[in-house]
Amino acid sequence: MEDKREIKAKKSQKKQVHLFYCVECEELARKVAAQSDLITLQSINWRNFADGWPNLYINSAHDIRGQHVAFLASFSSPGVIFEQISVIYALPRLFVASFTLVLPFFPTGSFERMEEEGDVATAFTMARILSNIPTSRGGPTSLVIYDIHALQERFYFSDHVLPLFETGIPLLKQRLHQLPDANNIVIAFPDDGAWKRFHKMLDHFPTVVCAKVREGDKRIVRIKEGNPAGCHVVIVDDLVQSGGTLIECQKVLAAHGAAKVSAYVTHGVFPKGSWERFTLKNGENMENAFANFWITDSCPLTVKAIANKAPFEVLSLAGSIADALQI
């Protein structure tokens, strides 16, 4: 067994991190802090002037000099980004030893390419904004993002920040192993993009790959490869918006004999309350329902909206974020 000196030596090698957070992320921040006594929560006064512009104050500004500092952000809408960017740009300049920005969901990630001249790739715009975070005394900012929509977006960031791309898939794998039918799981991908992104992390599961094919004026989901018959099929993707593709995949998988269908996405965006499409209503045909719908807490507003509503279950990123803060 390790003696007290060895334990103390190992602990001294780890960082004591002061974690600030936006209003939306308070619950997640508290969960992160509960993971380790090396994480101390700090606060910001999120106030506004009479004209609506931010009037911000970073508490304990003097106390964090020479300390490792992190900020947990949520860019859930354009309206909340400016005040958070103001704090994000200010914290590294307070003579901190290092600065880490945790942005679990990179919101413009699906707008990463141009299909015709005139399109604006806002993923690149957001990356440029974050690339201009001032350097701290310890060097460039570490930027932690979970399951960014396209891995090539790492090249949108300049050398002024160090992007660390994490994934929520280990949380899903852990949850699947806890299921009573864990030996009967098949992973389904809604398209080739999801397969390319995640199949190596889930390669010990049998897989089904779906694809959208054009029939006349419609795009219809078909099974491209794999057999879901008799299995508990779990559809895996990085994010969900309206949920239309997931619903179409569920119908096709059920039609091909899936015993039941569940879904996992790291980011449950669900604009305009679209999560309601997945809740089981009285009298609804169970064949069209999802057995489970797992999301992470990367989108705090969604987590609050779907609380205690079947079939949703939240797999918290708190432990993973706490680990990332020690890198």
C-alpha atoms as a PDB file:
ATOM      1  CA  MET A   1       0.000   0.000   0.000  1.00  0.00           C
ATOM      2  CA  GLU A   2       1.098   3.545  -0.662  1.00  0.00           C
ATOM      3  CA  ASP A   3       2.281   5.459   2.370  1.00  0.00           C
ATOM      4  CA  LYS A   4       1.105   8.981   3.131  1.00  0.00           C
ATOM      5  CA  ARG A   5       4.222  10.562   1.615  1.00  0.00           C
ATOM      6  CA  GLU A   6       3.649   8.859  -1.746  1.00  0.00           C
ATOM      7  CA  ILE A   7      -0.003   9.907  -1.797  1.00  0.00           C
ATOM      8  CA  LYS A   8       0.949  13.484  -0.904  1.00  0.00           C
ATOM      9  CA  ALA A   9       3.645  13.528  -3.610  1.00  0.00           C
ATOM     10  CA  LYS A  10       1.189  12.346  -6.273  1.00  0.00           C
ATOM     11  CA  LYS A  11      -1.380  14.903  -5.165  1.00  0.00           C
ATOM     12  CA  SER A  12       1.184  17.702  -5.253  1.00  0.00           C
ATOM     13  CA  GLN A  13       1.860  16.897  -8.930  1.00  0.00           C
ATOM     14  CA  LYS A  14      -1.768  17.698  -9.779  1.00  0.00           C
ATOM     15  CA  LYS A  15      -3.151  21.170 -10.312  1.00  0.00           C
ATOM     16  CA  GLN A  16      -5.407  23.064  -7.960  1.00  0.00           C
ATOM     17  CA  VAL A  17      -7.885  24.582 -10.406  1.00  0.00           C
ATOM     18  CA  HIS A  18     -10.137  27.580  -9.843  1.00  0.00           C
ATOM     19  CA  LEU A  19     -13.266  27.004 -11.922  1.00  0.00           C
ATOM     20  CA  PHE A  20     -15.459  29.886 -13.073  1.00  0.00           C
ATOM     21  CA  TYR A  21     -18.685  29.235 -14.959  1.00  0.00           C
ATOM     22  CA  CYS A  22     -21.537  30.917 -16.822  1.00  0.00           C
ATOM     23  CA  VAL A  23     -25.030  31.067 -15.345  1.00  0.00           C
ATOM     24  CA  GLU A  24     -26.359  28.179 -17.454  1.00  0.00           C
ATOM     25  CA  CYS A  25     -23.535  25.883 -16.358  1.00  0.00           C
ATOM     26  CA  GLU A  26     -23.845  26.279 -12.594  1.00  0.00           C
ATOM     27  CA  GLU A  27     -25.270  22.784 -12.040  1.00  0.00           C
ATOM     28  CA  LEU A  28     -22.624  21.148 -14.234  1.00  0.00           C
ATOM     29  CA  ALA A  29     -19.866  23.223 -12.585  1.00  0.00           C
ATOM     30  CA  ARG A  30     -20.952  21.992  -9.145  1.00  0.00           C
ATOM     31  CA  LYS A  31     -20.877  18.399 -10.391  1.00  0.00           C
ATOM     32  CA  VAL A  32     -17.370  18.942 -11.782  1.00  0.00           C
ATOM     33  CA  ALA A  33     -16.163  20.405  -8.476  1.00  0.00           C
ATOM     34  CA  ALA A  34     -17.677  17.454  -6.600  1.00  0.00           C
ATOM     35  CA  GLN A  35     -15.382  15.118  -8.567  1.00  0.00           C
ATOM     36  CA  SER A  36     -12.209  16.413  -6.943  1.00  0.00           C
ATOM     37  CA  ASP A  37     -11.044  18.455  -3.970  1.00  0.00           C
ATOM     38  CA  LEU A  38      -8.494  19.962  -6.371  1.00  0.00           C
ATOM     39  CA  ILE A  39     -11.259  22.011  -8.047  1.00  0.00           C
ATOM     40  CA  THR A  40     -12.509  25.167  -6.344  1.00  0.00           C
ATOM     41  CA  LEU A  41     -15.569  26.977  -7.646  1.00  0.00           C
ATOM     42  CA  GLN A  42     -15.284  30.706  -8.203  1.00  0.00           C
ATOM     43  CA  SER A  43     -17.999  33.166  -9.146  1.00  0.00           C
ATOM     44  CA  ILE A  44     -18.748  36.073 -11.445  1.00  0.00           C
ATOM     45  CA  ASN A  45     -21.356  38.785 -11.011  1.00  0.00           C
ATOM     46  CA  TRP A  46     -23.382  38.621 -14.223  1.00  0.00           C
ATOM     47  CA  ARG A  47     -25.073  42.025 -14.170  1.00  0.00           C
ATOM     48  CA  ASN A  48     -26.371  44.380 -16.835  1.00  0.00           C
ATOM     49  CA  PHE A  49     -26.487  48.119 -17.204  1.00  0.00           C
ATOM     50  CA  ALA A  50     -29.846  49.795 -17.751  1.00  0.00           C
ATOM     51  CA  ASP A  51     -29.330  49.665 -21.526  1.00  0.00           C
ATOM     52  CA  GLY A  52     -28.894  45.889 -21.400  1.00  0.00           C
ATOM     53  CA  TRP A  53     -25.133  45.694 -21.987  1.00  0.00           C
ATOM     54  CA  PRO A  54     -23.125  43.506 -19.590  1.00  0.00           C
ATOM     55  CA  ASN A  55     -21.796  44.921 -16.323  1.00  0.00           C
ATOM     56  CA  LEU A  56     -19.496  42.111 -15.244  1.00  0.00           C
ATOM     57  CA  TYR A  57     -17.322  41.577 -12.192  1.00  0.00           C
ATOM     58  CA  ILE A  58     -14.870  38.705 -11.601  1.00  0.00           C
ATOM     59  CA  ASN A  59     -14.820  37.910  -7.902  1.00  0.00           C
ATOM     60  CA  SER A  60     -11.496  36.911  -6.275  1.00  0.00           C
ATOM     61  CA  ALA A  61      -9.492  38.494  -9.104  1.00  0.00           C
ATOM     62  CA  HIS A  62      -6.514  39.106  -6.810  1.00  0.00           C
ATOM     63  CA  ASP A  63      -6.692  35.639  -5.245  1.00  0.00           C
ATOM     64  CA  ILE A  64      -6.310  33.794  -8.569  1.00  0.00           C
ATOM     65  CA  ARG A  65      -2.960  35.394  -9.449  1.00  0.00           C
ATOM     66  CA  GLY A  66      -0.439  32.627 -10.046  1.00  0.00           C
ATOM     67  CA  GLN A  67      -3.207  29.993  -9.967  1.00  0.00           C
ATOM     68  CA  HIS A  68      -4.564  27.610 -12.595  1.00  0.00           C
ATOM     69  CA  VAL A  69      -7.899  28.935 -13.824  1.00  0.00           C
ATOM     70  CA  ALA A  70     -10.675  27.468 -15.973  1.00  0.00           C
ATOM     71  CA  PHE A  71     -13.987  28.715 -17.323  1.00  0.00           C
ATOM     72  CA  LEU A  72     -16.989  26.501 -18.131  1.00  0.00           C
ATOM     73  CA  ALA A  73     -18.950  28.048 -20.999  1.00  0.00           C
ATOM     74  CA  SER A  74     -22.232  27.453 -22.805  1.00  0.00           C
ATOM     75  CA  PHE A  75     -22.785  29.249 -26.096  1.00  0.00           C
ATOM     76  CA  SER A  76     -26.449  28.253 -26.299  1.00  0.00           C
ATOM     77  CA  SER A  77     -27.465  31.321 -28.312  1.00  0.00           C
ATOM     78  CA  PRO A  78     -25.764  34.358 -29.877  1.00  0.00           C
ATOM     79  CA  GLY A  79     -27.244  36.522 -27.135  1.00  0.00           C
ATOM     80  CA  VAL A  80     -25.158  34.974 -24.340  1.00  0.00           C
ATOM     81  CA  ILE A  81     -21.859  34.744 -26.172  1.00  0.00           C
ATOM     82  CA  PHE A  82     -20.668  38.351 -25.842  1.00  0.00           C
ATOM     83  CA  GLU A  83     -20.743  38.475 -22.044  1.00  0.00           C
ATOM     84  CA  GLN A  84     -18.954  35.140 -21.790  1.00  0.00           C
ATOM     85  CA  ILE A  85     -16.315  36.112 -24.351  1.00  0.00           C
ATOM     86  CA  SER A  86     -15.698  39.270 -22.325  1.00  0.00           C
ATOM     87  CA  VAL A  87     -14.912  37.162 -19.248  1.00  0.00           C
ATOM     88  CA  ILE A  88     -12.943  34.594 -21.261  1.00  0.00           C
ATOM     89  CA  TYR A  89     -10.718  37.348 -22.646  1.00  0.00           C
ATOM     90  CA  ALA A  90     -10.271  38.921 -19.184  1.00  0.00           C
ATOM     91  CA  LEU A  91      -9.335  35.881 -17.092  1.00  0.00           C
ATOM     92  CA  PRO A  92      -5.959  35.052 -18.734  1.00  0.00           C
ATOM     93  CA  ARG A  93      -4.846  38.650 -18.217  1.00  0.00           C
ATOM     94  CA  LEU A  94      -5.218  38.409 -14.432  1.00  0.00           C
ATOM     95  CA  PHE A  95      -1.686  36.960 -14.104  1.00  0.00           C
ATOM     96  CA  VAL A  96      -2.970  33.387 -13.825  1.00  0.00           C
ATOM     97  CA  ALA A  97      -0.583  30.446 -14.152  1.00  0.00           C
ATOM     98  CA  SER A  98      -2.666  28.839 -16.903  1.00  0.00           C
ATOM     99  CA  PHE A  99      -6.100  29.177 -18.469  1.00  0.00           C
ATOM    100  CA  THR A 100      -8.434  26.462 -19.724  1.00  0.00           C
ATOM    101  CA  LEU A 101     -11.715  27.092 -21.512  1.00  0.00           C
ATOM    102  CA  VAL A 102     -14.209  24.226 -21.370  1.00  0.00           C
ATOM    103  CA  LEU A 103     -16.804  24.608 -24.123  1.00  0.00           C
ATOM    104  CA  PRO A 104     -18.552  21.215 -24.158  1.00  0.00           C
ATOM    105  CA  PHE A 105     -20.645  22.053 -27.224  1.00  0.00           C
ATOM    106  CA  PHE A 106     -19.103  23.984 -30.114  1.00  0.00           C
ATOM    107  CA  PRO A 107     -22.380  25.385 -31.458  1.00  0.00           C
ATOM    108  CA  THR A 108     -21.469  26.363 -35.002  1.00  0.00           C
ATOM    109  CA  GLY A 109     -19.682  23.088 -35.711  1.00  0.00           C
ATOM    110  CA  SER A 110     -22.224  21.912 -38.282  1.00  0.00           C
ATOM    111  CA  PHE A 111     -21.705  25.079 -40.347  1.00  0.00           C
ATOM    112  CA  GLU A 112     -18.152  24.266 -41.350  1.00  0.00           C
ATOM    113  CA  ARG A 113     -18.252  24.325 -45.131  1.00  0.00           C
ATOM    114  CA  MET A 114     -19.374  26.387 -48.112  1.00  0.00           C
ATOM    115  CA  GLU A 115     -21.562  24.852 -50.768  1.00  0.00           C
ATOM    116  CA  GLU A 116     -21.657  27.964 -52.922  1.00  0.00           C
ATOM    117  CA  GLU A 117     -20.040  31.385 -53.016  1.00  0.00           C
ATOM    118  CA  GLY A 118     -21.673  33.596 -50.429  1.00  0.00           C
ATOM    119  CA  ASP A 119     -22.148  30.941 -47.739  1.00  0.00           C
ATOM    120  CA  VAL A 120     -20.576  31.942 -44.422  1.00  0.00           C
ATOM    121  CA  ALA A 121     -18.807  29.138 -42.536  1.00  0.00           C
ATOM    122  CA  THR A 122     -19.583  30.366 -39.013  1.00  0.00           C
ATOM    123  CA  ALA A 123     -17.601  27.481 -37.495  1.00  0.00           C
ATOM    124  CA  PHE A 124     -14.503  29.245 -38.801  1.00  0.00           C
ATOM    125  CA  THR A 125     -15.734  32.579 -37.385  1.00  0.00           C
ATOM    126  CA  MET A 126     -16.188  31.074 -33.928  1.00  0.00           C
ATOM    127  CA  ALA A 127     -12.774  29.405 -34.114  1.00  0.00           C
ATOM    128  CA  ARG A 128     -11.165  32.755 -34.974  1.00  0.00           C
ATOM    129  CA  ILE A 129     -12.862  34.428 -32.000  1.00  0.00           C
ATOM    130  CA  LEU A 130     -11.599  31.728 -29.635  1.00  0.00           C
ATOM    131  CA  SER A 131      -8.154  31.743 -31.226  1.00  0.00           C
ATOM    132  CA  ASN A 132      -7.698  35.328 -30.090  1.00  0.00           C
ATOM    133  CA  ILE A 133      -8.017  34.582 -26.376  1.00  0.00           C
ATOM    134  CA  PRO A 134      -5.039  36.321 -24.742  1.00  0.00           C
ATOM    135  CA  THR A 135      -2.206  34.062 -23.639  1.00  0.00           C
ATOM    136  CA  SER A 136      -1.736  33.625 -19.916  1.00  0.00           C
ATOM    137  CA  ARG A 137       1.593  33.537 -18.087  1.00  0.00           C
ATOM    138  CA  GLY A 138       1.582  29.781 -18.701  1.00  0.00           C
ATOM    139  CA  GLY A 139       1.151  30.083 -22.464  1.00  0.00           C
ATOM    140  CA  PRO A 140      -1.736  29.418 -24.868  1.00  0.00           C
ATOM    141  CA  THR A 141      -5.235  28.667 -23.653  1.00  0.00           C
ATOM    142  CA  SER A 142      -6.295  25.020 -23.511  1.00  0.00           C
ATOM    143  CA  LEU A 143      -9.685  24.642 -25.188  1.00  0.00           C
ATOM    144  CA  VAL A 144     -11.722  21.551 -24.279  1.00  0.00           C
ATOM    145  CA  ILE A 145     -14.527  20.613 -26.688  1.00  0.00           C
ATOM    146  CA  TYR A 146     -16.622  17.432 -26.801  1.00  0.00           C
ATOM    147  CA  ASP A 147     -17.465  15.648 -30.050  1.00  0.00           C
ATOM    148  CA  ILE A 148     -17.019  18.585 -32.380  1.00  0.00           C
ATOM    149  CA  HIS A 149     -19.115  17.999 -35.489  1.00  0.00           C
ATOM    150  CA  ALA A 150     -16.209  17.696 -37.936  1.00  0.00           C
ATOM    151  CA  LEU A 151     -12.715  16.719 -36.816  1.00  0.00           C
ATOM    152  CA  GLN A 152     -11.106  18.858 -39.515  1.00  0.00           C
ATOM    153  CA  GLU A 153     -12.335  21.901 -37.593  1.00  0.00           C
ATOM    154  CA  ARG A 154      -9.257  21.560 -35.394  1.00  0.00           C
ATOM    155  CA  PHE A 155      -7.401  23.249 -38.248  1.00  0.00           C
ATOM    156  CA  TYR A 156      -9.642  26.324 -37.969  1.00  0.00           C
ATOM    157  CA  PHE A 157      -7.915  27.273 -34.703  1.00  0.00           C
ATOM    158  CA  SER A 158      -4.655  29.203 -34.663  1.00  0.00           C
ATOM    159  CA  ASP A 159      -1.570  28.342 -32.643  1.00  0.00           C
ATOM    160  CA  HIS A 160      -2.681  30.786 -29.927  1.00  0.00           C
ATOM    161  CA  VAL A 161      -4.946  28.098 -28.449  1.00  0.00           C
ATOM    162  CA  LEU A 162      -4.502  24.363 -27.881  1.00  0.00           C
ATOM    163  CA  PRO A 163      -7.744  22.524 -28.770  1.00  0.00           C
ATOM    164  CA  LEU A 164      -8.353  19.322 -26.824  1.00  0.00           C
ATOM    165  CA  PHE A 165     -11.079  17.242 -28.461  1.00  0.00           C
ATOM    166  CA  GLU A 166     -12.775  14.888 -26.035  1.00  0.00           C
ATOM    167  CA  THR A 167     -15.714  12.518 -26.525  1.00  0.00           C
ATOM    168  CA  GLY A 168     -18.752  11.378 -24.589  1.00  0.00           C
ATOM    169  CA  ILE A 169     -18.642   7.866 -26.075  1.00  0.00           C
ATOM    170  CA  PRO A 170     -17.004   6.288 -22.971  1.00  0.00           C
ATOM    171  CA  LEU A 171     -20.074   7.372 -20.981  1.00  0.00           C
ATOM    172  CA  LEU A 172     -22.321   5.596 -23.471  1.00  0.00           C
ATOM    173  CA  LYS A 173     -20.219   2.414 -23.410  1.00  0.00           C
ATOM    174  CA  GLN A 174     -20.319   2.379 -19.618  1.00  0.00           C
ATOM    175  CA  ARG A 175     -24.104   2.776 -19.651  1.00  0.00           C
ATOM    176  CA  LEU A 176     -24.620   0.063 -22.274  1.00  0.00           C
ATOM    177  CA  HIS A 177     -22.629  -2.455 -20.228  1.00  0.00           C
ATOM    178  CA  GLN A 178     -25.073  -1.842 -17.352  1.00  0.00           C
ATOM    179  CA  LEU A 179     -28.131  -2.833 -19.391  1.00  0.00           C
ATOM    180  CA  PRO A 180     -29.751  -6.241 -18.831  1.00  0.00           C
ATOM    181  CA  ASP A 181     -29.526  -6.906 -22.592  1.00  0.00           C
ATOM    182  CA  ALA A 182     -25.902  -5.718 -22.852  1.00  0.00           C
ATOM    183  CA  ASN A 183     -25.005  -8.819 -24.883  1.00  0.00           C
ATOM    184  CA  ASN A 184     -27.639  -8.047 -27.500  1.00  0.00           C
ATOM    185  CA  ILE A 185     -26.636  -4.486 -28.429  1.00  0.00           C
ATOM    186  CA  VAL A 186     -26.144  -3.352 -32.011  1.00  0.00           C
ATOM    187  CA  ILE A 187     -24.857   0.154 -32.790  1.00  0.00           C
ATOM    188  CA  ALA A 188     -26.524   1.975 -35.688  1.00  0.00           C
ATOM    189  CA  PHE A 189     -25.124   5.033 -37.445  1.00  0.00           C
ATOM    190  CA  PRO A 190     -27.569   7.348 -39.230  1.00  0.00           C
ATOM    191  CA  ASP A 191     -25.107   8.054 -42.041  1.00  0.00           C
ATOM    192  CA  ASP A 192     -21.557   7.439 -43.245  1.00  0.00           C
ATOM    193  CA  GLY A 193     -20.345  10.556 -41.444  1.00  0.00           C
ATOM    194  CA  ALA A 194     -21.385   9.210 -38.048  1.00  0.00           C
ATOM    195  CA  TRP A 195     -19.852   5.826 -38.891  1.00  0.00           C
ATOM    196  CA  LYS A 196     -16.516   7.398 -39.842  1.00  0.00           C
ATOM    197  CA  ARG A 197     -16.569   9.481 -36.690  1.00  0.00           C
ATOM    198  CA  PHE A 198     -17.438   6.871 -34.074  1.00  0.00           C
ATOM    199  CA  HIS A 199     -17.064   3.300 -35.333  1.00  0.00           C
ATOM    200  CA  LYS A 200     -13.495   2.839 -34.070  1.00  0.00           C
ATOM    201  CA  MET A 201     -14.616   3.720 -30.537  1.00  0.00           C
ATOM    202  CA  LEU A 202     -17.444   1.167 -30.747  1.00  0.00           C
ATOM    203  CA  ASP A 203     -15.783  -1.533 -32.834  1.00  0.00           C
ATOM    204  CA  HIS A 204     -16.559  -4.365 -30.392  1.00  0.00           C
ATOM    205  CA  PHE A 205     -20.293  -3.956 -31.108  1.00  0.00           C
ATOM    206  CA  PRO A 206     -22.023  -5.249 -34.256  1.00  0.00           C
ATOM    207  CA  THR A 207     -23.021  -2.286 -36.427  1.00  0.00           C
ATOM    208  CA  VAL A 208     -25.708  -1.123 -38.804  1.00  0.00           C
ATOM    209  CA  VAL A 209     -25.136   1.804 -41.156  1.00  0.00           C
ATOM    210  CA  CYS A 210     -28.077   3.773 -42.507  1.00  0.00           C
ATOM    211  CA  ALA A 211     -28.092   6.151 -45.446  1.00  0.00           C
ATOM    212  CA  LYS A 212     -30.439   8.669 -47.026  1.00  0.00           C
ATOM    213  CA  VAL A 213     -31.324   7.817 -50.611  1.00  0.00           C
ATOM    214  CA  ARG A 214     -33.284   9.920 -53.039  1.00  0.00           C
ATOM    215  CA  GLU A 215     -36.571   8.541 -54.314  1.00  0.00           C
ATOM    216  CA  GLY A 216     -38.203  11.099 -56.566  1.00  0.00           C
ATOM    217  CA  ASP A 217     -38.444  14.354 -54.633  1.00  0.00           C
ATOM    218  CA  LYS A 218     -37.956  12.679 -51.242  1.00  0.00           C
ATOM    219  CA  ARG A 219     -34.894  11.565 -49.304  1.00  0.00           C
ATOM    220  CA  ILE A 220     -35.655   8.292 -47.551  1.00  0.00           C
ATOM    221  CA  VAL A 221     -33.589   6.477 -44.898  1.00  0.00           C
ATOM    222  CA  ARG A 222     -32.506   2.981 -45.836  1.00  0.00           C
ATOM    223  CA  ILE A 223     -30.242   0.390 -44.213  1.00  0.00           C
ATOM    224  CA  LYS A 224     -26.970   0.349 -46.112  1.00  0.00           C
ATOM    225  CA  GLU A 225     -25.326  -2.530 -44.229  1.00  0.00           C
ATOM    226  CA  GLY A 226     -25.846  -4.676 -41.143  1.00  0.00           C
ATOM    227  CA  ASN A 227     -28.776  -6.559 -39.628  1.00  0.00           C
ATOM    228  CA  PRO A 228     -30.779  -5.194 -36.665  1.00  0.00           C
ATOM    229  CA  ALA A 229     -33.205  -8.153 -36.384  1.00  0.00           C
ATOM    230  CA  GLY A 230     -33.914  -9.262 -32.822  1.00  0.00           C
ATOM    231  CA  CYS A 231     -31.444  -6.815 -31.272  1.00  0.00           C
ATOM    232  CA  HIS A 232     -31.518  -3.718 -29.076  1.00  0.00           C
ATOM    233  CA  VAL A 233     -30.282  -1.151 -31.569  1.00  0.00           C
ATOM    234  CA  VAL A 234     -28.684   2.076 -30.326  1.00  0.00           C
ATOM    235  CA  ILE A 235     -28.422   4.920 -32.853  1.00  0.00           C
ATOM    236  CA  VAL A 236     -25.273   6.996 -32.238  1.00  0.00           C
ATOM    237  CA  ASP A 237     -24.560  10.520 -33.491  1.00  0.00           C
ATOM    238  CA  ASP A 238     -22.784  13.649 -32.272  1.00  0.00           C
ATOM    239  CA  LEU A 239     -25.844  15.905 -32.007  1.00  0.00           C
ATOM    240  CA  VAL A 240     -29.561  16.179 -32.587  1.00  0.00           C
ATOM    241  CA  GLN A 241     -31.512  19.217 -33.776  1.00  0.00           C
ATOM    242  CA  SER A 242     -35.105  18.546 -34.861  1.00  0.00           C
ATOM    243  CA  GLY A 243     -34.639  14.779 -34.576  1.00  0.00           C
ATOM    244  CA  GLY A 244     -36.206  13.980 -37.932  1.00  0.00           C
ATOM    245  CA  THR A 245     -33.358  11.735 -39.098  1.00  0.00           C
ATOM    246  CA  LEU A 246     -33.352   9.773 -35.833  1.00  0.00           C
ATOM    247  CA  ILE A 247     -37.089   9.163 -36.097  1.00  0.00           C
ATOM    248  CA  GLU A 248     -36.769   7.948 -39.685  1.00  0.00           C
ATOM    249  CA  CYS A 249     -33.904   5.642 -38.679  1.00  0.00           C
ATOM    250  CA  GLN A 250     -35.984   4.243 -35.826  1.00  0.00           C
ATOM    251  CA  LYS A 251     -38.845   3.404 -38.183  1.00  0.00           C
ATOM    252  CA  VAL A 252     -36.554   1.621 -40.649  1.00  0.00           C
ATOM    253  CA  LEU A 253     -34.764  -0.341 -37.917  1.00  0.00           C
ATOM    254  CA  ALA A 254     -38.075  -1.428 -36.363  1.00  0.00           C
ATOM    255  CA  ALA A 255     -39.361  -2.451 -39.797  1.00  0.00           C
ATOM    256  CA  HIS A 256     -36.281  -4.659 -40.188  1.00  0.00           C
ATOM    257  CA  GLY A 257     -36.962  -6.497 -36.954  1.00  0.00           C
ATOM    258  CA  ALA A 258     -35.126  -4.551 -34.230  1.00  0.00           C
ATOM    259  CA  ALA A 259     -36.409  -5.694 -30.831  1.00  0.00           C
ATOM    260  CA  LYS A 260     -36.155  -2.117 -29.585  1.00  0.00           C
ATOM    261  CA  VAL A 261     -34.406   1.094 -30.593  1.00  0.00           C
ATOM    262  CA  SER A 262     -32.588   3.628 -28.412  1.00  0.00           C
ATOM    263  CA  ALA A 263     -30.496   6.680 -29.253  1.00  0.00           C
ATOM    264  CA  TYR A 264     -27.392   8.464 -27.986  1.00  0.00           C
ATOM    265  CA  VAL A 265     -26.163  11.933 -28.913  1.00  0.00           C
ATOM    266  CA  THR A 266     -23.518  13.906 -27.080  1.00  0.00           C
ATOM    267  CA  HIS A 267     -25.296  17.206 -27.727  1.00  0.00           C
ATOM    268  CA  GLY A 268     -29.063  17.395 -27.315  1.00  0.00           C
ATOM    269  CA  VAL A 269     -29.603  20.778 -28.963  1.00  0.00           C
ATOM    270  CA  PHE A 270     -33.357  20.359 -29.602  1.00  0.00           C
ATOM    271  CA  PRO A 271     -34.259  23.902 -30.772  1.00  0.00           C
ATOM    272  CA  LYS A 272     -37.836  25.056 -30.209  1.00  0.00           C
ATOM    273  CA  GLY A 273     -38.598  22.199 -27.828  1.00  0.00           C
ATOM    274  CA  SER A 274     -38.162  19.511 -30.498  1.00  0.00           C
ATOM    275  CA  TRP A 275     -37.311  17.005 -27.732  1.00  0.00           C
ATOM    276  CA  GLU A 276     -41.072  16.683 -27.187  1.00  0.00           C
ATOM    277  CA  ARG A 277     -41.257  14.550 -30.341  1.00  0.00           C
ATOM    278  CA  PHE A 278     -39.491  11.782 -28.425  1.00  0.00           C
ATOM    279  CA  THR A 279     -41.602  11.705 -25.267  1.00  0.00           C
ATOM    280  CA  LEU A 280     -44.103   8.858 -25.045  1.00  0.00           C
ATOM    281  CA  LYS A 281     -47.625  10.218 -25.076  1.00  0.00           C
ATOM    282  CA  ASN A 282     -50.731   8.397 -23.831  1.00  0.00           C
ATOM    283  CA  GLY A 283     -52.009   5.876 -26.341  1.00  0.00           C
ATOM    284  CA  GLU A 284     -48.956   6.129 -28.594  1.00  0.00           C
ATOM    285  CA  ASN A 285     -47.849   3.013 -30.415  1.00  0.00           C
ATOM    286  CA  MET A 286     -44.822   1.614 -28.579  1.00  0.00           C
ATOM    287  CA  GLU A 287     -43.386   0.405 -31.884  1.00  0.00           C
ATOM    288  CA  ASN A 288     -42.689   4.034 -32.814  1.00  0.00           C
ATOM    289  CA  ALA A 289     -41.116   4.908 -29.465  1.00  0.00           C
ATOM    290  CA  PHE A 290     -37.468   5.022 -28.362  1.00  0.00           C
ATOM    291  CA  ALA A 291     -36.681   2.727 -25.449  1.00  0.00           C
ATOM    292  CA  ASN A 292     -33.941   5.084 -24.184  1.00  0.00           C
ATOM    293  CA  PHE A 293     -32.588   8.419 -25.320  1.00  0.00           C
ATOM    294  CA  TRP A 294     -29.227   9.265 -23.779  1.00  0.00           C
ATOM    295  CA  ILE A 295     -27.694  12.735 -23.958  1.00  0.00           C
ATOM    296  CA  THR A 296     -24.909  14.436 -22.018  1.00  0.00           C
ATOM    297  CA  ASP A 297     -25.206  17.691 -20.080  1.00  0.00           C
ATOM    298  CA  SER A 298     -23.321  19.672 -22.737  1.00  0.00           C
ATOM    299  CA  CYS A 299     -26.489  21.707 -23.439  1.00  0.00           C
ATOM    300  CA  PRO A 300     -27.707  22.818 -19.987  1.00  0.00           C
ATOM    301  CA  LEU A 301     -31.006  24.313 -21.163  1.00  0.00           C
ATOM    302  CA  THR A 302     -32.027  20.981 -22.687  1.00  0.00           C
ATOM    303  CA  VAL A 303     -31.036  19.117 -19.522  1.00  0.00           C
ATOM    304  CA  LYS A 304     -33.369  21.345 -17.519  1.00  0.00           C
ATOM    305  CA  ALA A 305     -36.210  20.916 -20.031  1.00  0.00           C
ATOM    306  CA  ILE A 306     -36.122  17.097 -20.220  1.00  0.00           C
ATOM    307  CA  ALA A 307     -35.622  16.435 -16.494  1.00  0.00           C
ATOM    308  CA  ASN A 308     -37.623  13.382 -15.363  1.00  0.00           C
ATOM    309  CA  LYS A 309     -39.140  12.899 -18.810  1.00  0.00           C
ATOM    310  CA  ALA A 310     -38.944   9.440 -20.381  1.00  0.00           C
ATOM    311  CA  PRO A 311     -37.191   8.172 -22.431  1.00  0.00           C
ATOM    312  CA  PHE A 312     -34.441  10.714 -21.686  1.00  0.00           C
ATOM    313  CA  GLU A 313     -31.467  10.051 -19.438  1.00  0.00           C
ATOM    314  CA  VAL A 314     -28.515  12.393 -18.906  1.00  0.00           C
ATOM    315  CA  LEU A 315     -24.968  11.012 -18.813  1.00  0.00           C
ATOM    316  CA  SER A 316     -22.895  13.683 -17.101  1.00  0.00           C
ATOM    317  CA  LEU A 317     -19.601  14.920 -18.510  1.00  0.00           C
ATOM    318  CA  ALA A 318     -18.562  16.108 -15.043  1.00  0.00           C
ATOM    319  CA  GLY A 319     -15.988  13.373 -14.396  1.00  0.00           C
ATOM    320  CA  SER A 320     -14.473  13.717 -17.853  1.00  0.00           C
ATOM    321  CA  ILE A 321     -14.237  17.502 -17.505  1.00  0.00           C
ATOM    322  CA  ALA A 322     -12.565  17.160 -14.095  1.00  0.00           C
ATOM    323  CA  ASP A 323      -9.991  14.836 -15.670  1.00  0.00           C
ATOM    324  CA  ALA A 324      -9.424  17.224 -18.596  1.00  0.00           C
ATOM    325  CA  LEU A 325      -8.676  20.061 -16.192  1.00  0.00           C
ATOM    326  CA  GLN A 326      -5.660  18.095 -14.965  1.00  0.00           C
ATOM    327  CA  ILE A 327      -4.086  17.730 -18.408  1.00  0.00           C
END
